[in-house]
C-alpha atoms as a PDB file:
ATOM      1  CA  GLN A   1      32.043  -6.288  55.597  1.00  0.00           C
ATOM      2  CA  THR A   2      30.596  -4.731  52.264  1.00  0.00           C
ATOM      3  CA  GLN A   3      33.485  -5.239  49.578  1.00  0.00           C
ATOM      4  CA  LEU A   4      32.321  -3.598  46.335  1.00  0.00           C
ATOM      5  CA  VAL A   5      30.180  -0.221  45.566  1.00  0.00           C
ATOM      6  CA  GLU A   6      27.551   0.340  42.844  1.00  0.00           C
ATOM      7  CA  SER A   7      27.297   3.939  41.662  1.00  0.00           C
ATOM      8  CA  GLY A   8      25.638   4.750  38.514  1.00  0.00           C
ATOM      9  CA  GLY A   9      21.820   3.948  38.439  1.00  0.00           C
ATOM     10  CA  GLY A  10      19.190   6.136  38.968  1.00  0.00           C
ATOM     11  CA  LEU A  11      15.675   7.218  36.908  1.00  0.00           C
ATOM     12  CA  VAL A  12      15.549   6.275  33.005  1.00  0.00           C
ATOM     13  CA  GLN A  13      12.928   6.854  30.084  1.00  0.00           C
ATOM     14  CA  ALA A  14      11.834   3.271  27.895  1.00  0.00           C
ATOM     15  CA  GLY A  15      14.429   3.463  25.115  1.00  0.00           C
ATOM     16  CA  GLY A  16      17.625   5.487  27.252  1.00  0.00           C
ATOM     17  CA  SER A  17      20.151   4.092  28.746  1.00  0.00           C
ATOM     18  CA  LEU A  18      22.438   3.522  31.544  1.00  0.00           C
ATOM     19  CA  ARG A  19      25.919   3.033  32.772  1.00  0.00           C
ATOM     20  CA  LEU A  20      26.366   1.631  36.372  1.00  0.00           C
ATOM     21  CA  SER A  21      29.920   0.764  37.813  1.00  0.00           C
ATOM     22  CA  CYS A  22      31.643  -0.852  40.361  1.00  0.00           C
ATOM     23  CA  ALA A  23      34.678  -0.739  42.376  1.00  0.00           C
ATOM     24  CA  ALA A  24      36.345  -1.627  45.056  1.00  0.00           C
ATOM     25  CA  SER A  25      35.026   0.097  48.753  1.00  0.00           C
ATOM     26  CA  ARG A  26      38.622  -0.979  50.258  1.00  0.00           C
ATOM     27  CA  LEU A  27      42.241   0.120  48.251  1.00  0.00           C
ATOM     28  CA  THR A  28      42.827  -3.740  50.013  1.00  0.00           C
ATOM     29  CA  PHE A  29      40.138  -5.505  48.138  1.00  0.00           C
ATOM     30  CA  ASN A  30      41.930  -6.090  44.915  1.00  0.00           C
ATOM     31  CA  ILE A  31      38.917  -5.883  41.619  1.00  0.00           C
ATOM     32  CA  ASN A  32      41.413  -7.345  39.337  1.00  0.00           C
ATOM     33  CA  ALA A  33      41.969 -10.642  41.134  1.00  0.00           C
ATOM     34  CA  TYR A  34      37.934 -11.322  40.659  1.00  0.00           C
ATOM     35  CA  ASN A  35      35.454 -13.134  37.770  1.00  0.00           C
ATOM     36  CA  MET A  36      32.609 -10.678  38.105  1.00  0.00           C
ATOM     37  CA  ALA A  37      28.889 -10.575  37.513  1.00  0.00           C
ATOM     38  CA  TRP A  38      26.159  -7.995  37.505  1.00  0.00           C
ATOM     39  CA  PHE A  39      23.346  -9.664  39.388  1.00  0.00           C
ATOM     40  CA  ARG A  40      19.587  -7.674  39.365  1.00  0.00           C
ATOM     41  CA  GLN A  41      16.523  -8.429  41.498  1.00  0.00           C
ATOM     42  CA  ALA A  42      13.410  -7.076  41.176  1.00  0.00           C
ATOM     43  CA  PRO A  43      10.130  -6.917  43.523  1.00  0.00           C
ATOM     44  CA  GLY A  44       8.506 -10.135  44.218  1.00  0.00           C
ATOM     45  CA  LYS A  45      11.291 -11.993  42.142  1.00  0.00           C
ATOM     46  CA  GLU A  46      14.153 -13.840  42.135  1.00  0.00           C
ATOM     47  CA  ARG A  47      18.002 -12.629  41.453  1.00  0.00           C
ATOM     48  CA  GLU A  48      18.872 -12.979  38.307  1.00  0.00           C
ATOM     49  CA  LEU A  49      22.363 -13.224  37.157  1.00  0.00           C
ATOM     50  CA  VAL A  50      22.758 -10.349  34.330  1.00  0.00           C
ATOM     51  CA  ALA A  51      26.458 -10.247  33.074  1.00  0.00           C
ATOM     52  CA  ARG A  52      29.583 -11.685  34.150  1.00  0.00           C
ATOM     53  CA  ILE A  53      33.219 -11.412  32.867  1.00  0.00           C
ATOM     54  CA  ALA A  54      36.498 -13.208  33.593  1.00  0.00           C
ATOM     55  CA  LYS A  55      39.166 -11.483  35.990  1.00  0.00           C
ATOM     56  CA  PHE A  56      41.053 -10.534  32.517  1.00  0.00           C
ATOM     57  CA  GLY A  57      38.115  -9.474  30.884  1.00  0.00           C
ATOM     58  CA  THR A  58      38.615 -12.123  28.108  1.00  0.00           C
ATOM     59  CA  LEU A  59      35.292 -14.121  28.731  1.00  0.00           C
ATOM     60  CA  THR A  60      31.694 -12.440  28.728  1.00  0.00           C
ATOM     61  CA  ASP A  61      27.983 -13.904  29.668  1.00  0.00           C
ATOM     62  CA  TYR A  62      24.799 -12.409  29.152  1.00  0.00           C
ATOM     63  CA  GLY A  63      21.805 -13.549  30.791  1.00  0.00           C
ATOM     64  CA  GLY A  64      19.021 -14.269  27.903  1.00  0.00           C
ATOM     65  CA  SER A  65      17.581 -11.352  28.864  1.00  0.00           C
ATOM     66  CA  VAL A  66      19.558  -8.428  28.014  1.00  0.00           C
ATOM     67  CA  LYS A  67      21.557 -10.408  25.318  1.00  0.00           C
ATOM     68  CA  GLY A  68      22.583  -7.219  22.465  1.00  0.00           C
ATOM     69  CA  ARG A  69      21.378  -4.687  24.716  1.00  0.00           C
ATOM     70  CA  PHE A  70      23.838  -4.429  27.526  1.00  0.00           C
ATOM     71  CA  THR A  71      26.981  -4.817  27.536  1.00  0.00           C
ATOM     72  CA  ILE A  72      29.693  -5.575  30.484  1.00  0.00           C
ATOM     73  CA  SER A  73      33.415  -4.496  30.625  1.00  0.00           C
ATOM     74  CA  ARG A  74      35.937  -3.792  33.144  1.00  0.00           C
ATOM     75  CA  ASP A  75      39.231  -1.856  33.649  1.00  0.00           C
ATOM     76  CA  ASN A  76      41.489  -2.999  35.521  1.00  0.00           C
ATOM     77  CA  ALA A  77      43.853  -0.172  35.788  1.00  0.00           C
ATOM     78  CA  LYS A  78      41.263   1.746  37.412  1.00  0.00           C
ATOM     79  CA  ARG A  79      40.033  -1.363  38.948  1.00  0.00           C
ATOM     80  CA  THR A  80      36.456  -0.856  38.089  1.00  0.00           C
ATOM     81  CA  VAL A  81      33.968  -2.815  36.380  1.00  0.00           C
ATOM     82  CA  TYR A  82      31.080  -1.420  34.340  1.00  0.00           C
ATOM     83  CA  LEU A  83      27.649  -2.838  32.744  1.00  0.00           C
ATOM     84  CA  GLN A  84      26.409  -0.230  29.962  1.00  0.00           C
ATOM     85  CA  MET A  85      22.457  -0.668  29.581  1.00  0.00           C
ATOM     86  CA  ASN A  86      20.924   0.078  26.206  1.00  0.00           C
ATOM     87  CA  SER A  87      17.653   0.128  24.910  1.00  0.00           C
ATOM     88  CA  LEU A  88      16.293   0.353  28.693  1.00  0.00           C
ATOM     89  CA  GLN A  89      13.144  -1.373  29.128  1.00  0.00           C
ATOM     90  CA  PRO A  90      10.311  -1.356  32.195  1.00  0.00           C
ATOM     91  CA  GLU A  91      10.937  -4.663  33.114  1.00  0.00           C
ATOM     92  CA  ASP A  92      14.562  -4.093  33.396  1.00  0.00           C
ATOM     93  CA  THR A  93      13.549  -1.860  36.729  1.00  0.00           C
ATOM     94  CA  ALA A  94      15.735  -3.575  39.777  1.00  0.00           C
ATOM     95  CA  VAL A  95      18.104  -3.430  42.082  1.00  0.00           C
ATOM     96  CA  TYR A  96      21.961  -3.928  40.517  1.00  0.00           C
ATOM     97  CA  TYR A  97      24.224  -5.689  42.097  1.00  0.00           C
ATOM     98  CA  CYS A  98      27.484  -6.062  41.330  1.00  0.00           C
ATOM     99  CA  ALA A  99      29.493  -9.518  42.873  1.00  0.00           C
ATOM    100  CA  ALA A 100      33.123 -11.220  43.083  1.00  0.00           C
ATOM    101  CA  THR A 101      33.918 -14.382  42.397  1.00  0.00           C
ATOM    102  CA  LEU A 102      37.150 -16.962  42.564  1.00  0.00           C
ATOM    103  CA  PHE A 103      35.194 -19.706  40.692  1.00  0.00           C
ATOM    104  CA  PRO A 104      36.505 -20.031  37.125  1.00  0.00           C
ATOM    105  CA  ARG A 105      32.998 -20.894  36.593  1.00  0.00           C
ATOM    106  CA  PRO A 106      30.602 -20.169  38.982  1.00  0.00           C
ATOM    107  CA  SER A 107      27.372 -22.304  38.778  1.00  0.00           C
ATOM    108  CA  PHE A 108      25.130 -20.613  42.146  1.00  0.00           C
ATOM    109  CA  ASP A 109      24.727 -17.545  43.595  1.00  0.00           C
ATOM    110  CA  SER A 110      26.164 -19.182  46.787  1.00  0.00           C
ATOM    111  CA  GLU A 111      29.759 -19.252  44.469  1.00  0.00           C
ATOM    112  CA  TYR A 112      30.230 -15.401  44.776  1.00  0.00           C
ATOM    113  CA  ASN A 113      32.341 -14.378  47.632  1.00  0.00           C
ATOM    114  CA  TYR A 114      31.691 -10.619  47.806  1.00  0.00           C
ATOM    115  CA  TRP A 115      28.197  -8.821  46.939  1.00  0.00           C
ATOM    116  CA  GLY A 116      27.738  -4.637  46.526  1.00  0.00           C
ATOM    117  CA  GLN A 117      24.573  -3.525  48.649  1.00  0.00           C
ATOM    118  CA  GLY A 118      22.708  -2.082  45.242  1.00  0.00           C
ATOM    119  CA  THR A 119      22.377   0.295  42.384  1.00  0.00           C
ATOM    120  CA  GLN A 120      18.311   0.930  42.044  1.00  0.00           C
ATOM    121  CA  VAL A 121      17.384   1.153  38.513  1.00  0.00           C
ATOM    122  CA  THR A 122      14.079   1.877  36.998  1.00  0.00           C
ATOM    123  CA  VAL A 123      12.885   1.775  33.787  1.00  0.00           C
ATOM    124  CA  ALA A 124       9.639   4.760  33.158  1.00  0.00           C
ATOM    125  CA  LEU A 125       6.999   4.149  30.471  1.00  0.00           C
END
């Protein structure tokens, strides 16, 4: 059963911005207990890590292609994780997934316990 729900995707012109949100689908799922991440998968490509954030928001990490353009954050009071995406380019077009893990320093996708169903981001020229 999906525990995470993403929102905020859509169609945007190159150079534009979008903010994705990830929240728990059920009140009984405490998103604050997890280290969180955003992944993306474009058609015909492997899923890649976009950004991750530690449980208390003190540590963040980014994939090389998005550094300086994307920002991951979390509001534990709202039990929500965000991905602010600026200066979007066509190569950012993908389905974006939110994921949760109890591993302190996950190295593999398989170490993420819960996944959302994804939200489509399309960047047009």
